[in-house]
Amino acid sequence: MTTSTETRTLLVGPERHRPRSRGSRRFSFGRALAWAVMGIALFLTIFPFYWMARTALSTENALAAGAGSILPVEFTWGAFARVLGLASQESAIAEGGSGASVDFLLYLRNSLAYSTLVTVGQLLFCSLAAYAFARLRWPGRDAVFFVFLTALMVPPIFTALPNFVTMRDLGLLNTIPGLALPTLLMTPFAVFFLRQFFLGINREIEEAAEIDGASKLRVFFQIIVPMSGAPLATLGILTFINTWNDYFWPLLAGNTEDSRVLTVALGVFRSQTPNGSPDWAGLMAATLVAAIPVLTLFFVFGRRIVDSIGYSGVK
């Protein structure tokens, strides 16, 4: 009888030991404040994109009259048609556009070529340099790495003029290779990022491969690279987004149609002003279309970026 009573007490337990349900949690002012701050931050982040879409879907001639409207003013797809070159000159001018032709697909191709070339080059050369700093032993390695990291404190504006002179002397101005070459080989952040990950890989795996006769290059490409898929993907995404959004260097080194990228083309598009007023609807439509590849990459791989950066920073 005693055993049965004790068993029931253990199974049921006193009321104070029962776990609380989700609905019975006490109100927490701190949690409510955190959710409120998060909601405000989310609103401030998303609202500019909504306002861009609202402006792009409005008729340019009606924007001034309905400047305070939350919804599109006289809804139309004309701005996107003007940007993609699908609208005639007469219809573009009638909706408030400049009527000038914009080869958006050419600029999109240039941006893709420029960003992809820089991304692939940095993934290859930065990973090799990071592996050399993390695994190879040579005199002055740590000192060289420290000096190399000091380049992180040099603003890019300081290197723009030397890079411009170098590309001019090489005859690569107004070309896609000329745009990509200054950042094609490596950047200090990319080398530091990958080196932090390589330091955390177990050396015994590499030593076992070397005992079997594998060279350093074979160990790197057949063992280290497959194990580093997450940080390499993260670095590739970050590099692609940063290169895609670059404006000053492509503006300085690419002034022709064949080398102009989207960010520079948006500035040119804004300067084509009918009656002294920018085509805001067309500009917002072009900006939205230009942001789609970057937004897609971030939404698909955003979690991987955060996790990989946090992991590499702890190492």
Protein backbone atom coordinates (compact mmCIF):
# COMPACT_ATOMS: atom_id res chain seq x y z
CA MET A 1 0.00 0.00 0.00
CA THR A 2 2.82 2.31 0.89
CA THR A 3 4.62 1.48 -2.36
CA SER A 4 1.52 2.23 -4.40
CA THR A 5 1.06 5.60 -2.72
CA GLU A 6 4.73 6.57 -3.26
CA THR A 7 4.57 5.49 -6.90
CA ARG A 8 1.49 7.64 -7.47
CA THR A 9 3.22 10.58 -5.78
CA LEU A 10 6.25 10.20 -8.04
CA LEU A 11 4.14 9.93 -11.18
CA VAL A 12 1.76 12.75 -10.39
CA GLY A 13 3.96 14.84 -8.11
CA PRO A 14 2.90 17.89 -6.22
CA GLU A 15 1.33 20.74 -8.08
CA ARG A 16 4.42 22.87 -7.83
CA HIS A 17 6.50 20.37 -9.85
CA ARG A 18 4.15 20.27 -12.82
CA PRO A 19 5.56 22.01 -15.92
CA ARG A 20 3.80 25.16 -16.92
CA SER A 21 1.97 25.22 -20.19
CA ARG A 22 2.75 27.85 -22.79
CA GLY A 23 -0.49 29.66 -22.11
CA SER A 24 0.19 30.00 -18.38
CA ARG A 25 3.46 31.90 -18.73
CA ARG A 26 3.53 35.14 -16.84
CA PHE A 27 3.63 38.40 -18.74
CA SER A 28 7.19 39.61 -19.16
CA PHE A 29 7.71 43.31 -19.81
CA GLY A 30 11.20 42.63 -21.18
CA ARG A 31 9.91 40.07 -23.68
CA ALA A 32 7.13 42.41 -24.80
CA LEU A 33 9.63 45.24 -25.23
CA ALA A 34 11.96 42.99 -27.23
CA TRP A 35 9.12 41.98 -29.56
CA ALA A 36 8.09 45.62 -29.97
CA VAL A 37 11.63 46.68 -30.86
CA MET A 38 11.94 43.75 -33.28
CA GLY A 39 8.65 44.69 -34.92
CA ILE A 40 9.75 48.32 -35.35
CA ALA A 41 13.11 47.24 -36.79
CA LEU A 42 11.35 44.84 -39.19
CA PHE A 43 8.97 47.61 -40.30
CA LEU A 44 11.81 50.07 -40.87
CA THR A 45 13.65 47.43 -42.93
CA ILE A 46 10.73 46.33 -45.12
CA PHE A 47 8.91 49.64 -45.61
CA PRO A 48 11.52 51.18 -47.99
CA PHE A 49 11.15 48.15 -50.28
CA TYR A 50 7.38 48.50 -50.20
CA TRP A 51 7.65 52.20 -51.00
CA MET A 52 9.93 51.42 -53.92
CA ALA A 53 7.39 48.92 -55.24
CA ARG A 54 4.53 51.40 -54.69
CA THR A 55 6.42 54.09 -56.64
CA ALA A 56 7.41 51.68 -59.43
CA LEU A 57 3.77 50.63 -59.91
CA SER A 58 2.53 54.22 -60.13
CA THR A 59 2.17 56.48 -63.13
CA GLU A 60 4.98 59.05 -63.10
CA ASN A 61 2.69 61.96 -64.01
CA ALA A 62 0.36 61.16 -61.09
CA LEU A 63 3.00 60.75 -58.38
CA ALA A 64 3.15 64.43 -57.47
CA ALA A 65 -0.62 64.64 -56.96
CA GLY A 66 -0.73 61.46 -54.83
CA ALA A 67 2.55 61.83 -52.97
CA GLY A 68 0.96 60.84 -49.65
CA SER A 69 -0.88 57.80 -50.95
CA ILE A 70 0.15 54.46 -49.47
CA LEU A 71 -1.15 52.54 -52.48
CA PRO A 72 0.16 52.94 -56.06
CA VAL A 73 -1.12 56.07 -57.77
CA GLU A 74 -2.88 55.11 -61.01
CA PHE A 75 -1.54 51.54 -61.03
CA THR A 76 0.51 50.61 -64.11
CA TRP A 77 3.33 48.30 -65.21
CA GLY A 78 4.67 50.99 -67.51
CA ALA A 79 7.77 51.73 -65.42
CA PHE A 80 8.94 48.11 -65.65
CA ALA A 81 8.18 48.10 -69.38
CA ARG A 82 10.33 51.23 -69.82
CA VAL A 83 13.21 49.73 -67.87
CA LEU A 84 13.15 46.42 -69.74
CA GLY A 85 12.88 48.18 -73.10
CA LEU A 86 9.37 46.84 -73.82
CA ALA A 87 7.63 50.22 -74.06
CA SER A 88 7.55 52.43 -77.12
CA GLN A 89 8.98 55.92 -76.94
CA GLU A 90 5.54 57.48 -77.26
CA SER A 91 4.02 55.48 -74.39
CA ALA A 92 7.07 56.11 -72.20
CA ILE A 93 6.83 59.87 -72.68
CA ALA A 94 3.06 59.77 -72.13
CA GLU A 95 3.55 58.14 -68.70
CA GLY A 96 6.23 60.61 -67.66
CA GLY A 97 9.34 58.75 -68.76
CA SER A 98 12.26 60.29 -70.59
CA GLY A 99 11.76 58.24 -73.75
CA ALA A 100 15.47 57.38 -73.84
CA SER A 101 16.41 53.78 -74.55
CA VAL A 102 18.07 51.88 -71.71
CA ASP A 103 19.81 48.61 -72.53
CA PHE A 104 18.97 47.07 -69.18
CA LEU A 105 19.75 43.50 -70.25
CA LEU A 106 23.27 44.52 -71.33
CA TYR A 107 23.94 46.17 -67.97
CA LEU A 108 22.53 43.12 -66.20
CA ARG A 109 24.89 40.88 -68.18
CA ASN A 110 27.85 43.12 -67.30
CA SER A 111 26.98 43.05 -63.59
CA LEU A 112 26.64 39.27 -63.62
CA ALA A 113 29.95 38.84 -65.45
CA TYR A 114 31.77 41.29 -63.17
CA SER A 115 30.38 39.85 -59.92
CA THR A 116 30.85 36.22 -60.97
CA LEU A 117 34.45 36.77 -62.12
CA VAL A 118 35.43 38.46 -58.85
CA THR A 119 33.63 35.84 -56.76
CA VAL A 120 35.23 32.84 -58.50
CA GLY A 121 38.68 34.44 -58.42
CA GLN A 122 38.51 35.28 -54.73
CA LEU A 123 37.23 31.84 -53.78
CA LEU A 124 40.17 30.21 -55.55
CA PHE A 125 43.06 32.49 -54.62
CA CYS A 126 41.88 33.46 -51.13
CA SER A 127 41.34 29.84 -50.14
CA LEU A 128 44.86 28.96 -51.30
CA ALA A 129 46.36 31.90 -49.41
CA ALA A 130 44.33 31.12 -46.29
CA TYR A 131 45.48 27.49 -46.37
CA ALA A 132 49.09 28.63 -46.67
CA PHE A 133 48.72 30.90 -43.63
CA ALA A 134 46.88 28.22 -41.62
CA ARG A 135 48.88 25.08 -42.42
CA LEU A 136 52.19 25.72 -44.17
CA ARG A 137 55.23 26.58 -42.05
CA TRP A 138 57.60 29.16 -43.50
CA PRO A 139 59.78 31.90 -42.00
CA GLY A 140 57.92 35.08 -41.08
CA ARG A 141 54.47 33.59 -41.73
CA ASP A 142 52.76 35.25 -38.75
CA ALA A 143 54.48 38.59 -39.38
CA VAL A 144 53.40 38.56 -43.02
CA PHE A 145 49.87 37.68 -42.02
CA PHE A 146 49.79 40.56 -39.52
CA VAL A 147 50.99 43.01 -42.17
CA PHE A 148 48.48 41.55 -44.59
CA LEU A 149 45.64 42.14 -42.12
CA THR A 150 46.58 45.80 -41.71
CA ALA A 151 45.18 46.28 -45.22
CA LEU A 152 41.75 45.98 -43.60
CA MET A 153 42.30 49.45 -42.16
CA VAL A 154 43.02 51.02 -45.58
CA PRO A 155 39.87 52.62 -47.09
CA PRO A 156 39.20 51.49 -50.68
CA ILE A 157 39.19 55.12 -51.83
CA PHE A 158 42.95 55.25 -51.18
CA THR A 159 43.63 52.43 -53.65
CA ALA A 160 41.25 53.64 -56.38
CA LEU A 161 43.72 55.97 -58.08
CA PRO A 162 46.69 53.49 -58.13
CA ASN A 163 44.36 50.80 -59.46
CA PHE A 164 43.07 53.16 -62.13
CA VAL A 165 46.60 54.03 -63.27
CA THR A 166 47.55 50.34 -63.35
CA MET A 167 44.50 49.38 -65.42
CA ARG A 168 45.19 52.29 -67.77
CA ASP A 169 48.79 51.22 -68.29
CA LEU A 170 47.64 47.65 -68.94
CA GLY A 171 45.06 48.85 -71.46
CA LEU A 172 42.19 47.28 -69.49
CA LEU A 173 40.05 50.35 -68.83
CA ASN A 174 36.40 50.01 -69.92
CA THR A 175 36.58 46.22 -69.90
CA ILE A 176 35.08 43.62 -67.57
CA PRO A 177 38.54 42.11 -66.76
CA GLY A 178 39.77 45.60 -65.91
CA LEU A 179 36.89 46.05 -63.47
CA ALA A 180 37.51 42.69 -61.80
CA LEU A 181 41.31 42.57 -61.69
CA PRO A 182 41.95 44.81 -58.61
CA THR A 183 39.86 42.51 -56.36
CA LEU A 184 40.14 39.31 -58.37
CA LEU A 185 43.12 37.74 -56.60
CA MET A 186 42.29 38.25 -52.92
CA THR A 187 41.07 40.54 -50.17
CA PRO A 188 42.27 40.60 -46.54
CA PHE A 189 38.82 39.82 -45.14
CA ALA A 190 38.36 36.76 -47.34
CA VAL A 191 41.78 35.35 -46.38
CA PHE A 192 41.17 35.99 -42.69
CA PHE A 193 37.67 34.46 -42.88
CA LEU A 194 38.85 31.21 -44.48
CA ARG A 195 42.00 30.96 -42.36
CA GLN A 196 39.86 30.95 -39.20
CA PHE A 197 37.95 27.95 -40.52
CA PHE A 198 41.02 26.06 -41.73
CA LEU A 199 42.60 26.36 -38.28
CA GLY A 200 39.70 24.37 -36.84
CA ILE A 201 40.13 21.38 -39.17
CA ASN A 202 41.76 18.34 -37.57
CA ARG A 203 45.37 18.01 -38.74
CA GLU A 204 45.25 14.22 -38.48
CA ILE A 205 43.13 14.02 -41.61
CA GLU A 206 45.75 15.86 -43.64
CA GLU A 207 48.63 13.92 -42.07
CA ALA A 208 46.97 10.62 -42.97
CA ALA A 209 46.63 11.73 -46.60
CA GLU A 210 50.26 12.90 -46.72
CA ILE A 211 51.43 9.56 -45.34
CA ASP A 212 49.63 7.91 -48.26
CA GLY A 213 51.65 10.08 -50.63
CA ALA A 214 49.27 12.96 -51.31
CA SER A 215 50.83 16.33 -52.08
CA LYS A 216 49.79 19.58 -50.41
CA LEU A 217 47.75 20.64 -53.44
CA ARG A 218 45.99 17.29 -53.60
CA VAL A 219 45.21 17.46 -49.88
CA PHE A 220 43.82 20.93 -50.33
CA PHE A 221 41.59 20.26 -53.35
CA GLN A 222 40.44 16.74 -52.44
CA ILE A 223 40.12 17.00 -48.66
CA ILE A 224 40.08 20.60 -47.41
CA VAL A 225 37.84 22.11 -50.11
CA PRO A 226 35.05 19.47 -49.77
CA MET A 227 35.12 19.93 -45.99
CA SER A 228 34.87 23.73 -46.36
CA GLY A 229 31.70 23.90 -48.40
CA ALA A 230 29.79 26.06 -45.90
CA PRO A 231 32.39 28.83 -45.41
CA LEU A 232 33.25 28.87 -49.11
CA ALA A 233 29.57 29.26 -50.01
CA THR A 234 29.19 32.01 -47.42
CA LEU A 235 32.24 33.88 -48.69
CA GLY A 236 31.04 33.51 -52.26
CA ILE A 237 27.64 34.99 -51.41
CA LEU A 238 29.14 37.89 -49.46
CA THR A 239 31.63 38.62 -52.24
CA PHE A 240 28.97 38.47 -54.93
CA ILE A 241 26.66 40.84 -53.05
CA ASN A 242 29.46 43.29 -52.28
CA THR A 243 30.67 43.29 -55.89
CA TRP A 244 27.15 43.57 -57.27
CA ASN A 245 26.54 46.69 -55.15
CA ASP A 246 29.90 48.30 -55.97
CA TYR A 247 29.51 51.72 -57.56
CA PHE A 248 32.59 53.93 -57.31
CA TRP A 249 35.17 51.67 -58.97
CA PRO A 250 32.90 50.62 -61.90
CA LEU A 251 32.03 54.29 -62.38
CA LEU A 252 35.72 55.19 -62.48
CA ALA A 253 36.96 52.35 -64.69
CA GLY A 254 33.95 51.56 -66.90
CA ASN A 255 32.52 54.44 -68.93
CA THR A 256 31.42 52.62 -72.09
CA GLU A 257 28.19 50.75 -72.78
CA ASP A 258 30.00 47.41 -72.99
CA SER A 259 31.52 47.79 -69.50
CA ARG A 260 28.80 49.69 -67.64
CA VAL A 261 27.23 47.78 -64.73
CA LEU A 262 23.76 48.14 -63.27
CA THR A 263 24.67 50.39 -60.36
CA VAL A 264 26.28 52.90 -62.72
CA ALA A 265 23.46 52.53 -65.25
CA LEU A 266 20.93 53.49 -62.57
CA GLY A 267 22.76 56.79 -62.11
CA VAL A 268 22.74 57.37 -65.86
CA PHE A 269 19.05 56.50 -65.99
CA ARG A 270 18.33 59.06 -63.26
CA SER A 271 20.17 61.76 -65.19
CA GLN A 272 17.86 61.28 -68.19
CA THR A 273 15.27 63.67 -66.79
CA PRO A 274 12.18 64.72 -68.76
CA ASN A 275 11.37 68.37 -68.10
CA GLY A 276 13.97 68.51 -65.33
CA SER A 277 12.18 65.93 -63.16
CA PRO A 278 13.66 62.44 -62.64
CA ASP A 279 11.65 59.43 -63.76
CA TRP A 280 11.13 58.18 -60.20
CA ALA A 281 8.78 55.39 -61.18
CA GLY A 282 11.24 54.05 -63.73
CA LEU A 283 14.16 54.48 -61.37
CA MET A 284 12.42 52.54 -58.60
CA ALA A 285 11.44 49.81 -61.06
CA ALA A 286 15.05 49.51 -62.25
CA THR A 287 16.29 49.42 -58.65
CA LEU A 288 13.85 46.65 -57.74
CA VAL A 289 14.85 44.55 -60.73
CA ALA A 290 18.54 45.10 -59.95
CA ALA A 291 18.00 44.05 -56.33
CA ILE A 292 16.21 40.80 -57.13
CA PRO A 293 19.38 38.63 -57.55
CA VAL A 294 20.89 39.90 -54.30
CA LEU A 295 17.65 39.55 -52.34
CA THR A 296 17.18 36.03 -53.67
CA LEU A 297 20.67 35.00 -52.58
CA PHE A 298 20.20 36.50 -49.14
CA PHE A 299 16.79 34.95 -48.50
CA VAL A 300 17.96 31.51 -49.63
CA PHE A 301 21.35 31.49 -47.89
CA GLY A 302 20.89 34.13 -45.16
CA ARG A 303 20.89 31.62 -42.31
CA ARG A 304 24.06 29.96 -43.59
CA ILE A 305 25.81 33.35 -43.74
CA VAL A 306 24.99 34.15 -40.11
CA ASP A 307 25.91 30.69 -38.83
CA SER A 308 29.20 30.51 -40.73
CA ILE A 309 30.31 34.00 -39.69
CA GLY A 310 29.52 33.21 -36.07
CA TYR A 311 31.40 29.93 -36.21
CA SER A 312 34.48 31.46 -37.87
CA GLY A 313 34.52 34.37 -35.44
CA VAL A 314 34.65 32.07 -32.42
CA LYS A 315 37.64 30.10 -33.70
